[in-house]
Amino acid sequence: MQFLYLIFRKGDNVKKLLFSVTLLLSVCMLSSCKILSKSSNQNGVEDSSEIDDSLDTTEIITTYTEAYSKVMHSCFGVRSIISQSSYAIGSCVCIKQDDNYSYFITNRHVIEATDTTKESENVSVYFGDGIFYTATILACTTYSERIANQADDLAILRITTPSTNSIKINPVEISTSVISKGTAVISVGCPLSLTNYNTLTEGIVSKVLTSQDLYMHTATINPGNSGGGLFTLDGKLVGINVSGDYKLATEEGYTYNTVDDMYNAITYEHLESFLSDKDFSL
């Protein structure tokens, strides 16, 4: 303090003015630092009120939960008896109901007999909790058709609609939107076992294989997911998953699936074409 006193006594007015301005600027800078520190967290990130929270994890989880709630009563399992000691499992989606019957779409290979050119005579739809209802194969592609084109791996099942209120069946709504690369999707099915009934996985459409009527996507599927639905987050059916030959479709044809975390689904446009060819109206 004595040093400052001597400066003011011996200096001229210009020195006094410069010193005062410097002191004032220093105080302002310190105040600004304190204000900034209050609006930042320990990691130096600005206050969340000024950050785009569109990627909030809670909101994303809620979105998937809501999407599943819209399709959970449209997705079921399939069991096909092949012999006295073996059976195949898959998944299916309800696409229609009338006064007496419920109708489901699945993959043809799910309901094939030991002789794959023929269909099993013992197929049922699984509703969880050990509940099976005998199904009739209403229509399907042929073995040769599904071998020639993976998109032609389709079958229609029909059951007498259960009268019990404990089983809820809601026909799914088929999408009418253009599905493009990057579209968020979920898969629902029974991977590996019927005990994994209605398991949900999420992903995106990675590529639209227009020439083959297939989507490549990243919503994980396994054997047992065959015939299950691929849905948008608003609960619309956009595809039927194919996990039969365990091959991946490409623009050049089919190859063994050497691409990690990439799967195929039949487009809803091809599904609608199949239903039309079988004179099946929704």
C-alpha atoms as a PDB file:
ATOM      1  CA  MET A   1       0.000   0.000   0.000  1.00  0.00           C
ATOM      2  CA  GLN A   2       2.851   2.377   0.777  1.00  0.00           C
ATOM      3  CA  PHE A   3       4.313   1.676  -2.687  1.00  0.00           C
ATOM      4  CA  LEU A   4       1.019   2.551  -4.367  1.00  0.00           C
ATOM      5  CA  TYR A   5       0.787   5.720  -2.283  1.00  0.00           C
ATOM      6  CA  LEU A   6       4.190   6.848  -3.550  1.00  0.00           C
ATOM      7  CA  ILE A   7       3.172   6.266  -7.178  1.00  0.00           C
ATOM      8  CA  PHE A   8       0.088   8.415  -6.817  1.00  0.00           C
ATOM      9  CA  ARG A   9       2.017  11.151  -5.089  1.00  0.00           C
ATOM     10  CA  LYS A  10       4.900  11.282  -7.541  1.00  0.00           C
ATOM     11  CA  GLY A  11       3.151  10.290 -10.759  1.00  0.00           C
ATOM     12  CA  ASP A  12       1.112  12.502 -13.035  1.00  0.00           C
ATOM     13  CA  ASN A  13      -2.604  12.224 -13.784  1.00  0.00           C
ATOM     14  CA  VAL A  14      -2.001   9.956 -16.787  1.00  0.00           C
ATOM     15  CA  LYS A  15      -0.319   7.308 -14.637  1.00  0.00           C
ATOM     16  CA  LYS A  16      -3.168   7.517 -12.150  1.00  0.00           C
ATOM     17  CA  LEU A  17      -5.717   7.036 -14.931  1.00  0.00           C
ATOM     18  CA  LEU A  18      -3.905   4.064 -16.500  1.00  0.00           C
ATOM     19  CA  PHE A  19      -3.537   2.335 -13.147  1.00  0.00           C
ATOM     20  CA  SER A  20      -7.240   2.800 -12.356  1.00  0.00           C
ATOM     21  CA  VAL A  21      -8.316   1.388 -15.735  1.00  0.00           C
ATOM     22  CA  THR A  22      -6.011  -1.635 -15.343  1.00  0.00           C
ATOM     23  CA  LEU A  23      -7.336  -2.320 -11.862  1.00  0.00           C
ATOM     24  CA  LEU A  24     -10.929  -2.075 -13.077  1.00  0.00           C
ATOM     25  CA  LEU A  25     -10.333  -4.489 -15.969  1.00  0.00           C
ATOM     26  CA  SER A  26      -8.729  -7.004 -13.603  1.00  0.00           C
ATOM     27  CA  VAL A  27     -11.764  -6.937 -11.327  1.00  0.00           C
ATOM     28  CA  CYS A  28     -14.109  -7.455 -14.309  1.00  0.00           C
ATOM     29  CA  MET A  29     -12.116 -10.444 -15.558  1.00  0.00           C
ATOM     30  CA  LEU A  30     -12.186 -12.102 -12.153  1.00  0.00           C
ATOM     31  CA  SER A  31     -15.949 -11.599 -11.928  1.00  0.00           C
ATOM     32  CA  SER A  32     -16.438 -13.123 -15.384  1.00  0.00           C
ATOM     33  CA  CYS A  33     -14.467 -16.224 -14.390  1.00  0.00           C
ATOM     34  CA  LYS A  34     -16.671 -16.721 -11.327  1.00  0.00           C
ATOM     35  CA  ILE A  35     -19.845 -16.377 -13.383  1.00  0.00           C
ATOM     36  CA  LEU A  36     -18.555 -18.859 -15.972  1.00  0.00           C
ATOM     37  CA  SER A  37     -17.609 -21.387 -13.296  1.00  0.00           C
ATOM     38  CA  LYS A  38     -21.120 -21.259 -11.861  1.00  0.00           C
ATOM     39  CA  SER A  39     -22.663 -22.043 -15.255  1.00  0.00           C
ATOM     40  CA  SER A  40     -20.339 -24.992 -15.872  1.00  0.00           C
ATOM     41  CA  ASN A  41     -20.178 -28.403 -14.290  1.00  0.00           C
ATOM     42  CA  GLN A  42     -17.066 -30.130 -12.999  1.00  0.00           C
ATOM     43  CA  ASN A  43     -16.216 -31.358 -16.487  1.00  0.00           C
ATOM     44  CA  GLY A  44     -16.270 -27.861 -17.893  1.00  0.00           C
ATOM     45  CA  VAL A  45     -19.532 -28.390 -19.773  1.00  0.00           C
ATOM     46  CA  GLU A  46     -21.915 -25.489 -19.939  1.00  0.00           C
ATOM     47  CA  ASP A  47     -25.165 -25.512 -18.045  1.00  0.00           C
ATOM     48  CA  SER A  48     -27.533 -28.154 -19.449  1.00  0.00           C
ATOM     49  CA  SER A  49     -30.197 -25.524 -19.999  1.00  0.00           C
ATOM     50  CA  GLU A  50     -28.144 -24.305 -22.952  1.00  0.00           C
ATOM     51  CA  ILE A  51     -27.378 -27.774 -24.400  1.00  0.00           C
ATOM     52  CA  ASP A  52     -29.453 -29.683 -26.965  1.00  0.00           C
ATOM     53  CA  ASP A  53     -30.940 -32.590 -25.019  1.00  0.00           C
ATOM     54  CA  SER A  54     -32.382 -34.334 -28.092  1.00  0.00           C
ATOM     55  CA  LEU A  55     -30.138 -37.344 -27.387  1.00  0.00           C
ATOM     56  CA  ASP A  56     -31.260 -37.748 -23.794  1.00  0.00           C
ATOM     57  CA  THR A  57     -30.803 -41.432 -22.880  1.00  0.00           C
ATOM     58  CA  THR A  58     -34.031 -41.557 -20.872  1.00  0.00           C
ATOM     59  CA  GLU A  59     -36.016 -40.297 -23.842  1.00  0.00           C
ATOM     60  CA  ILE A  60     -34.430 -42.901 -26.132  1.00  0.00           C
ATOM     61  CA  ILE A  61     -35.297 -45.733 -23.737  1.00  0.00           C
ATOM     62  CA  THR A  62     -38.845 -44.396 -23.433  1.00  0.00           C
ATOM     63  CA  THR A  63     -39.143 -44.358 -27.229  1.00  0.00           C
ATOM     64  CA  TYR A  64     -38.237 -48.056 -27.504  1.00  0.00           C
ATOM     65  CA  THR A  65     -40.576 -48.932 -24.652  1.00  0.00           C
ATOM     66  CA  GLU A  66     -43.436 -47.132 -26.353  1.00  0.00           C
ATOM     67  CA  ALA A  67     -42.622 -48.759 -29.690  1.00  0.00           C
ATOM     68  CA  TYR A  68     -42.728 -52.231 -28.126  1.00  0.00           C
ATOM     69  CA  SER A  69     -45.989 -51.480 -26.328  1.00  0.00           C
ATOM     70  CA  LYS A  70     -47.589 -50.807 -29.732  1.00  0.00           C
ATOM     71  CA  VAL A  71     -46.560 -54.160 -31.234  1.00  0.00           C
ATOM     72  CA  MET A  72     -46.342 -56.559 -28.273  1.00  0.00           C
ATOM     73  CA  HIS A  73     -49.804 -58.014 -28.953  1.00  0.00           C
ATOM     74  CA  SER A  74     -49.033 -58.406 -32.658  1.00  0.00           C
ATOM     75  CA  CYS A  75     -45.900 -60.571 -32.292  1.00  0.00           C
ATOM     76  CA  PHE A  76     -45.903 -64.273 -31.439  1.00  0.00           C
ATOM     77  CA  GLY A  77     -43.920 -67.491 -31.741  1.00  0.00           C
ATOM     78  CA  VAL A  78     -44.271 -70.432 -34.119  1.00  0.00           C
ATOM     79  CA  ARG A  79     -43.579 -74.125 -33.530  1.00  0.00           C
ATOM     80  CA  SER A  80     -43.454 -76.624 -36.370  1.00  0.00           C
ATOM     81  CA  ILE A  81     -43.207 -80.340 -35.581  1.00  0.00           C
ATOM     82  CA  ILE A  82     -40.768 -82.001 -37.976  1.00  0.00           C
ATOM     83  CA  SER A  83     -40.674 -85.491 -36.455  1.00  0.00           C
ATOM     84  CA  GLN A  84     -41.381 -87.214 -33.145  1.00  0.00           C
ATOM     85  CA  SER A  85     -38.045 -86.019 -31.843  1.00  0.00           C
ATOM     86  CA  SER A  86     -37.532 -82.645 -33.494  1.00  0.00           C
ATOM     87  CA  TYR A  87     -39.272 -79.392 -34.205  1.00  0.00           C
ATOM     88  CA  ALA A  88     -38.492 -75.962 -35.623  1.00  0.00           C
ATOM     89  CA  ILE A  89     -39.254 -72.627 -34.017  1.00  0.00           C
ATOM     90  CA  GLY A  90     -39.755 -69.191 -35.438  1.00  0.00           C
ATOM     91  CA  SER A  91     -41.721 -66.005 -35.024  1.00  0.00           C
ATOM     92  CA  CYS A  92     -44.793 -64.490 -36.641  1.00  0.00           C
ATOM     93  CA  VAL A  93     -46.818 -61.294 -36.863  1.00  0.00           C
ATOM     94  CA  CYS A  94     -50.611 -60.955 -36.827  1.00  0.00           C
ATOM     95  CA  ILE A  95     -51.733 -59.092 -39.949  1.00  0.00           C
ATOM     96  CA  LYS A  96     -55.513 -59.578 -39.856  1.00  0.00           C
ATOM     97  CA  GLN A  97     -58.512 -60.679 -37.807  1.00  0.00           C
ATOM     98  CA  ASP A  98     -62.106 -61.368 -38.775  1.00  0.00           C
ATOM     99  CA  ASP A  99     -65.069 -62.665 -36.799  1.00  0.00           C
ATOM    100  CA  ASN A 100     -63.611 -66.133 -36.303  1.00  0.00           C
ATOM    101  CA  TYR A 101     -59.953 -66.222 -37.288  1.00  0.00           C
ATOM    102  CA  SER A 102     -56.602 -64.530 -36.760  1.00  0.00           C
ATOM    103  CA  TYR A 103     -54.022 -64.504 -39.562  1.00  0.00           C
ATOM    104  CA  PHE A 104     -50.250 -64.397 -39.229  1.00  0.00           C
ATOM    105  CA  ILE A 105     -47.261 -63.980 -41.521  1.00  0.00           C
ATOM    106  CA  THR A 106     -44.044 -65.960 -41.028  1.00  0.00           C
ATOM    107  CA  ASN A 107     -41.211 -67.478 -43.088  1.00  0.00           C
ATOM    108  CA  ARG A 108     -41.828 -70.519 -45.253  1.00  0.00           C
ATOM    109  CA  HIS A 109     -38.722 -72.311 -43.979  1.00  0.00           C
ATOM    110  CA  VAL A 110     -40.159 -72.201 -40.441  1.00  0.00           C
ATOM    111  CA  ILE A 111     -43.061 -74.464 -41.407  1.00  0.00           C
ATOM    112  CA  GLU A 112     -41.237 -76.906 -43.698  1.00  0.00           C
ATOM    113  CA  ALA A 113     -41.310 -80.653 -43.098  1.00  0.00           C
ATOM    114  CA  THR A 114     -38.324 -83.001 -43.069  1.00  0.00           C
ATOM    115  CA  ASP A 115     -38.738 -83.057 -46.830  1.00  0.00           C
ATOM    116  CA  THR A 116     -38.266 -79.315 -47.269  1.00  0.00           C
ATOM    117  CA  THR A 117     -40.294 -79.303 -50.471  1.00  0.00           C
ATOM    118  CA  LYS A 118     -43.320 -80.026 -48.292  1.00  0.00           C
ATOM    119  CA  GLU A 119     -44.936 -78.227 -45.358  1.00  0.00           C
ATOM    120  CA  SER A 120     -45.290 -79.546 -41.827  1.00  0.00           C
ATOM    121  CA  GLU A 121     -48.646 -81.007 -40.884  1.00  0.00           C
ATOM    122  CA  ASN A 122     -48.309 -79.870 -37.285  1.00  0.00           C
ATOM    123  CA  VAL A 123     -47.821 -76.109 -36.894  1.00  0.00           C
ATOM    124  CA  SER A 124     -48.933 -73.949 -33.971  1.00  0.00           C
ATOM    125  CA  VAL A 125     -48.763 -70.314 -32.904  1.00  0.00           C
ATOM    126  CA  TYR A 126     -47.194 -69.699 -29.508  1.00  0.00           C
ATOM    127  CA  PHE A 127     -48.611 -67.054 -27.158  1.00  0.00           C
ATOM    128  CA  GLY A 128     -46.144 -67.380 -24.309  1.00  0.00           C
ATOM    129  CA  ASP A 129     -46.646 -69.084 -20.946  1.00  0.00           C
ATOM    130  CA  GLY A 130     -46.771 -72.495 -22.613  1.00  0.00           C
ATOM    131  CA  ILE A 131     -49.907 -71.674 -24.639  1.00  0.00           C
ATOM    132  CA  PHE A 132     -50.096 -73.039 -28.216  1.00  0.00           C
ATOM    133  CA  TYR A 133     -52.933 -72.821 -30.744  1.00  0.00           C
ATOM    134  CA  THR A 134     -53.010 -75.150 -33.737  1.00  0.00           C
ATOM    135  CA  ALA A 135     -52.502 -73.298 -37.005  1.00  0.00           C
ATOM    136  CA  THR A 136     -53.484 -73.997 -40.591  1.00  0.00           C
ATOM    137  CA  ILE A 137     -51.049 -73.096 -43.372  1.00  0.00           C
ATOM    138  CA  LEU A 138     -53.294 -70.957 -45.515  1.00  0.00           C
ATOM    139  CA  ALA A 139     -50.758 -70.141 -48.232  1.00  0.00           C
ATOM    140  CA  CYS A 140     -47.003 -70.093 -48.770  1.00  0.00           C
ATOM    141  CA  THR A 141     -44.300 -69.834 -51.378  1.00  0.00           C
ATOM    142  CA  THR A 142     -42.631 -72.994 -52.639  1.00  0.00           C
ATOM    143  CA  TYR A 143     -39.268 -74.333 -51.523  1.00  0.00           C
ATOM    144  CA  SER A 144     -37.716 -73.552 -54.903  1.00  0.00           C
ATOM    145  CA  GLU A 145     -39.051 -69.995 -54.789  1.00  0.00           C
ATOM    146  CA  ARG A 146     -37.568 -69.257 -51.395  1.00  0.00           C
ATOM    147  CA  ILE A 147     -34.231 -70.780 -52.404  1.00  0.00           C
ATOM    148  CA  ALA A 148     -34.145 -68.652 -55.548  1.00  0.00           C
ATOM    149  CA  ASN A 149     -35.053 -65.435 -53.748  1.00  0.00           C
ATOM    150  CA  GLN A 150     -34.794 -64.853 -50.022  1.00  0.00           C
ATOM    151  CA  ALA A 151     -37.647 -62.343 -50.190  1.00  0.00           C
ATOM    152  CA  ASP A 152     -39.943 -65.206 -51.234  1.00  0.00           C
ATOM    153  CA  ASP A 153     -39.604 -66.966 -47.882  1.00  0.00           C
ATOM    154  CA  LEU A 154     -43.178 -66.302 -46.735  1.00  0.00           C
ATOM    155  CA  ALA A 155     -46.204 -68.153 -45.383  1.00  0.00           C
ATOM    156  CA  ILE A 156     -49.648 -67.245 -44.034  1.00  0.00           C
ATOM    157  CA  LEU A 157     -50.963 -69.026 -40.936  1.00  0.00           C
ATOM    158  CA  ARG A 158     -54.517 -69.033 -39.586  1.00  0.00           C
ATOM    159  CA  ILE A 159     -55.871 -69.957 -36.173  1.00  0.00           C
ATOM    160  CA  THR A 160     -59.289 -69.842 -34.596  1.00  0.00           C
ATOM    161  CA  THR A 161     -59.179 -66.672 -32.532  1.00  0.00           C
ATOM    162  CA  PRO A 162     -58.902 -67.559 -28.815  1.00  0.00           C
ATOM    163  CA  SER A 163     -62.042 -66.733 -26.865  1.00  0.00           C
ATOM    164  CA  THR A 164     -60.180 -66.118 -23.628  1.00  0.00           C
ATOM    165  CA  ASN A 165     -59.474 -62.546 -22.597  1.00  0.00           C
ATOM    166  CA  SER A 166     -56.048 -63.549 -21.315  1.00  0.00           C
ATOM    167  CA  ILE A 167     -54.736 -63.708 -24.904  1.00  0.00           C
ATOM    168  CA  LYS A 168     -54.624 -60.394 -26.710  1.00  0.00           C
ATOM    169  CA  ILE A 169     -54.137 -60.256 -30.464  1.00  0.00           C
ATOM    170  CA  ASN A 170     -53.927 -56.964 -32.326  1.00  0.00           C
ATOM    171  CA  PRO A 171     -53.324 -56.981 -36.087  1.00  0.00           C
ATOM    172  CA  VAL A 172     -50.311 -54.850 -36.904  1.00  0.00           C
ATOM    173  CA  GLU A 173     -50.472 -51.783 -39.104  1.00  0.00           C
ATOM    174  CA  ILE A 174     -48.301 -52.086 -42.202  1.00  0.00           C
ATOM    175  CA  SER A 175     -46.207 -49.041 -43.036  1.00  0.00           C
ATOM    176  CA  THR A 176     -46.882 -46.895 -46.080  1.00  0.00           C
ATOM    177  CA  SER A 177     -43.802 -44.716 -45.629  1.00  0.00           C
ATOM    178  CA  VAL A 178     -40.656 -44.743 -47.718  1.00  0.00           C
ATOM    179  CA  ILE A 179     -37.999 -46.526 -45.677  1.00  0.00           C
ATOM    180  CA  SER A 180     -34.511 -45.196 -46.253  1.00  0.00           C
ATOM    181  CA  LYS A 181     -30.997 -45.736 -44.981  1.00  0.00           C
ATOM    182  CA  GLY A 182     -30.741 -44.630 -41.346  1.00  0.00           C
ATOM    183  CA  THR A 183     -34.382 -45.327 -40.400  1.00  0.00           C
ATOM    184  CA  ALA A 184     -34.552 -46.448 -36.739  1.00  0.00           C
ATOM    185  CA  VAL A 185     -36.135 -49.903 -36.336  1.00  0.00           C
ATOM    186  CA  ILE A 186     -36.818 -52.636 -33.793  1.00  0.00           C
ATOM    187  CA  SER A 187     -37.018 -56.402 -34.234  1.00  0.00           C
ATOM    188  CA  VAL A 188     -39.342 -58.532 -32.105  1.00  0.00           C
ATOM    189  CA  GLY A 189     -39.167 -62.321 -32.072  1.00  0.00           C
ATOM    190  CA  CYS A 190     -38.061 -65.521 -30.357  1.00  0.00           C
ATOM    191  CA  PRO A 191     -34.298 -65.855 -30.865  1.00  0.00           C
ATOM    192  CA  LEU A 192     -32.904 -69.373 -30.344  1.00  0.00           C
ATOM    193  CA  SER A 193     -35.792 -70.556 -28.154  1.00  0.00           C
ATOM    194  CA  LEU A 194     -39.465 -69.951 -27.417  1.00  0.00           C
ATOM    195  CA  THR A 195     -38.354 -69.162 -23.877  1.00  0.00           C
ATOM    196  CA  ASN A 196     -37.000 -65.935 -25.412  1.00  0.00           C
ATOM    197  CA  TYR A 197     -40.522 -65.068 -26.492  1.00  0.00           C
ATOM    198  CA  ASN A 198     -40.925 -61.516 -27.816  1.00  0.00           C
ATOM    199  CA  THR A 199     -37.353 -60.390 -27.338  1.00  0.00           C
ATOM    200  CA  LEU A 200     -36.684 -56.867 -28.600  1.00  0.00           C
ATOM    201  CA  THR A 201     -33.566 -55.566 -30.330  1.00  0.00           C
ATOM    202  CA  GLU A 202     -32.952 -52.167 -31.908  1.00  0.00           C
ATOM    203  CA  GLY A 203     -30.972 -50.808 -34.820  1.00  0.00           C
ATOM    204  CA  ILE A 204     -31.187 -48.937 -38.099  1.00  0.00           C
ATOM    205  CA  VAL A 205     -31.792 -49.740 -41.737  1.00  0.00           C
ATOM    206  CA  SER A 206     -28.274 -49.880 -43.146  1.00  0.00           C
ATOM    207  CA  LYS A 207     -29.133 -50.335 -46.801  1.00  0.00           C
ATOM    208  CA  VAL A 208     -32.187 -50.830 -48.987  1.00  0.00           C
ATOM    209  CA  LEU A 209     -31.561 -53.638 -51.485  1.00  0.00           C
ATOM    210  CA  THR A 210     -34.183 -52.471 -53.942  1.00  0.00           C
ATOM    211  CA  SER A 211     -33.490 -55.119 -56.586  1.00  0.00           C
ATOM    212  CA  GLN A 212     -33.977 -57.906 -54.032  1.00  0.00           C
ATOM    213  CA  ASP A 213     -36.837 -56.436 -51.985  1.00  0.00           C
ATOM    214  CA  LEU A 214     -34.773 -56.673 -48.805  1.00  0.00           C
ATOM    215  CA  TYR A 215     -33.532 -54.365 -46.095  1.00  0.00           C
ATOM    216  CA  MET A 216     -30.121 -54.765 -44.503  1.00  0.00           C
ATOM    217  CA  HIS A 217     -30.405 -53.695 -40.864  1.00  0.00           C
ATOM    218  CA  THR A 218     -28.638 -53.857 -37.505  1.00  0.00           C
ATOM    219  CA  ALA A 219     -31.498 -54.885 -35.168  1.00  0.00           C
ATOM    220  CA  THR A 220     -29.943 -58.199 -34.104  1.00  0.00           C
ATOM    221  CA  ILE A 221     -31.724 -61.407 -35.097  1.00  0.00           C
ATOM    222  CA  ASN A 222     -30.863 -65.081 -34.635  1.00  0.00           C
ATOM    223  CA  PRO A 223     -32.410 -68.406 -35.639  1.00  0.00           C
ATOM    224  CA  GLY A 224     -35.870 -68.258 -34.087  1.00  0.00           C
ATOM    225  CA  ASN A 225     -36.388 -64.661 -35.211  1.00  0.00           C
ATOM    226  CA  SER A 226     -37.356 -66.024 -38.627  1.00  0.00           C
ATOM    227  CA  GLY A 227     -40.738 -64.638 -39.632  1.00  0.00           C
ATOM    228  CA  GLY A 228     -40.740 -61.987 -36.919  1.00  0.00           C
ATOM    229  CA  GLY A 229     -41.437 -58.330 -37.527  1.00  0.00           C
ATOM    230  CA  LEU A 230     -39.189 -55.364 -38.227  1.00  0.00           C
ATOM    231  CA  PHE A 231     -40.930 -52.184 -37.075  1.00  0.00           C
ATOM    232  CA  THR A 232     -40.440 -48.442 -37.102  1.00  0.00           C
ATOM    233  CA  LEU A 233     -40.531 -46.666 -33.742  1.00  0.00           C
ATOM    234  CA  ASP A 234     -44.157 -45.672 -34.309  1.00  0.00           C
ATOM    235  CA  GLY A 235     -45.122 -49.356 -34.369  1.00  0.00           C
ATOM    236  CA  LYS A 236     -45.585 -49.813 -38.128  1.00  0.00           C
ATOM    237  CA  LEU A 237     -44.517 -53.078 -39.776  1.00  0.00           C
ATOM    238  CA  VAL A 238     -41.838 -52.412 -42.385  1.00  0.00           C
ATOM    239  CA  GLY A 239     -40.387 -55.885 -42.897  1.00  0.00           C
ATOM    240  CA  ILE A 240     -40.346 -59.589 -42.072  1.00  0.00           C
ATOM    241  CA  ASN A 241     -37.026 -60.845 -40.740  1.00  0.00           C
ATOM    242  CA  VAL A 242     -35.312 -63.700 -42.553  1.00  0.00           C
ATOM    243  CA  SER A 243     -32.872 -65.871 -40.632  1.00  0.00           C
ATOM    244  CA  GLY A 244     -33.242 -69.079 -42.561  1.00  0.00           C
ATOM    245  CA  ASP A 245     -30.283 -69.791 -44.801  1.00  0.00           C
ATOM    246  CA  TYR A 246     -28.086 -67.562 -42.657  1.00  0.00           C
ATOM    247  CA  LYS A 247     -26.853 -65.796 -45.748  1.00  0.00           C
ATOM    248  CA  LEU A 248     -26.636 -62.081 -46.349  1.00  0.00           C
ATOM    249  CA  ALA A 249     -28.138 -60.546 -49.456  1.00  0.00           C
ATOM    250  CA  THR A 250     -26.033 -58.075 -51.417  1.00  0.00           C
ATOM    251  CA  GLU A 251     -26.583 -56.206 -54.660  1.00  0.00           C
ATOM    252  CA  GLU A 252     -24.558 -58.899 -56.430  1.00  0.00           C
ATOM    253  CA  GLY A 253     -26.495 -61.824 -54.940  1.00  0.00           C
ATOM    254  CA  TYR A 254     -26.226 -63.931 -51.809  1.00  0.00           C
ATOM    255  CA  THR A 255     -23.089 -64.486 -49.822  1.00  0.00           C
ATOM    256  CA  TYR A 256     -22.306 -66.081 -46.483  1.00  0.00           C
ATOM    257  CA  ASN A 257     -22.839 -63.556 -43.744  1.00  0.00           C
ATOM    258  CA  THR A 258     -19.347 -62.291 -43.106  1.00  0.00           C
ATOM    259  CA  VAL A 259     -20.527 -58.760 -42.324  1.00  0.00           C
ATOM    260  CA  ASP A 260     -20.717 -58.350 -38.559  1.00  0.00           C
ATOM    261  CA  ASP A 261     -24.066 -57.307 -37.079  1.00  0.00           C
ATOM    262  CA  MET A 262     -25.916 -57.087 -40.389  1.00  0.00           C
ATOM    263  CA  TYR A 263     -29.230 -58.842 -41.076  1.00  0.00           C
ATOM    264  CA  ASN A 264     -31.965 -59.138 -43.714  1.00  0.00           C
ATOM    265  CA  ALA A 265     -35.677 -58.382 -43.699  1.00  0.00           C
ATOM    266  CA  ILE A 266     -38.238 -58.719 -46.493  1.00  0.00           C
ATOM    267  CA  THR A 267     -39.664 -55.306 -47.407  1.00  0.00           C
ATOM    268  CA  TYR A 268     -43.300 -54.546 -46.693  1.00  0.00           C
ATOM    269  CA  GLU A 269     -43.826 -53.813 -50.398  1.00  0.00           C
ATOM    270  CA  HIS A 270     -42.801 -57.385 -51.264  1.00  0.00           C
ATOM    271  CA  LEU A 271     -45.005 -58.699 -48.461  1.00  0.00           C
ATOM    272  CA  GLU A 272     -47.990 -56.841 -49.904  1.00  0.00           C
ATOM    273  CA  SER A 273     -47.191 -58.243 -53.352  1.00  0.00           C
ATOM    274  CA  PHE A 274     -47.089 -61.779 -51.912  1.00  0.00           C
ATOM    275  CA  LEU A 275     -50.451 -61.297 -50.183  1.00  0.00           C
ATOM    276  CA  SER A 276     -51.947 -60.005 -53.416  1.00  0.00           C
ATOM    277  CA  ASP A 277     -50.614 -62.998 -55.371  1.00  0.00           C
ATOM    278  CA  LYS A 278     -52.279 -65.294 -52.825  1.00  0.00           C
ATOM    279  CA  ASP A 279     -55.580 -63.363 -53.107  1.00  0.00           C
ATOM    280  CA  PHE A 280     -55.300 -62.415 -49.453  1.00  0.00           C
ATOM    281  CA  SER A 281     -56.850 -59.058 -48.609  1.00  0.00           C
ATOM    282  CA  LEU A 282     -56.083 -57.143 -45.432  1.00  0.00           C
END
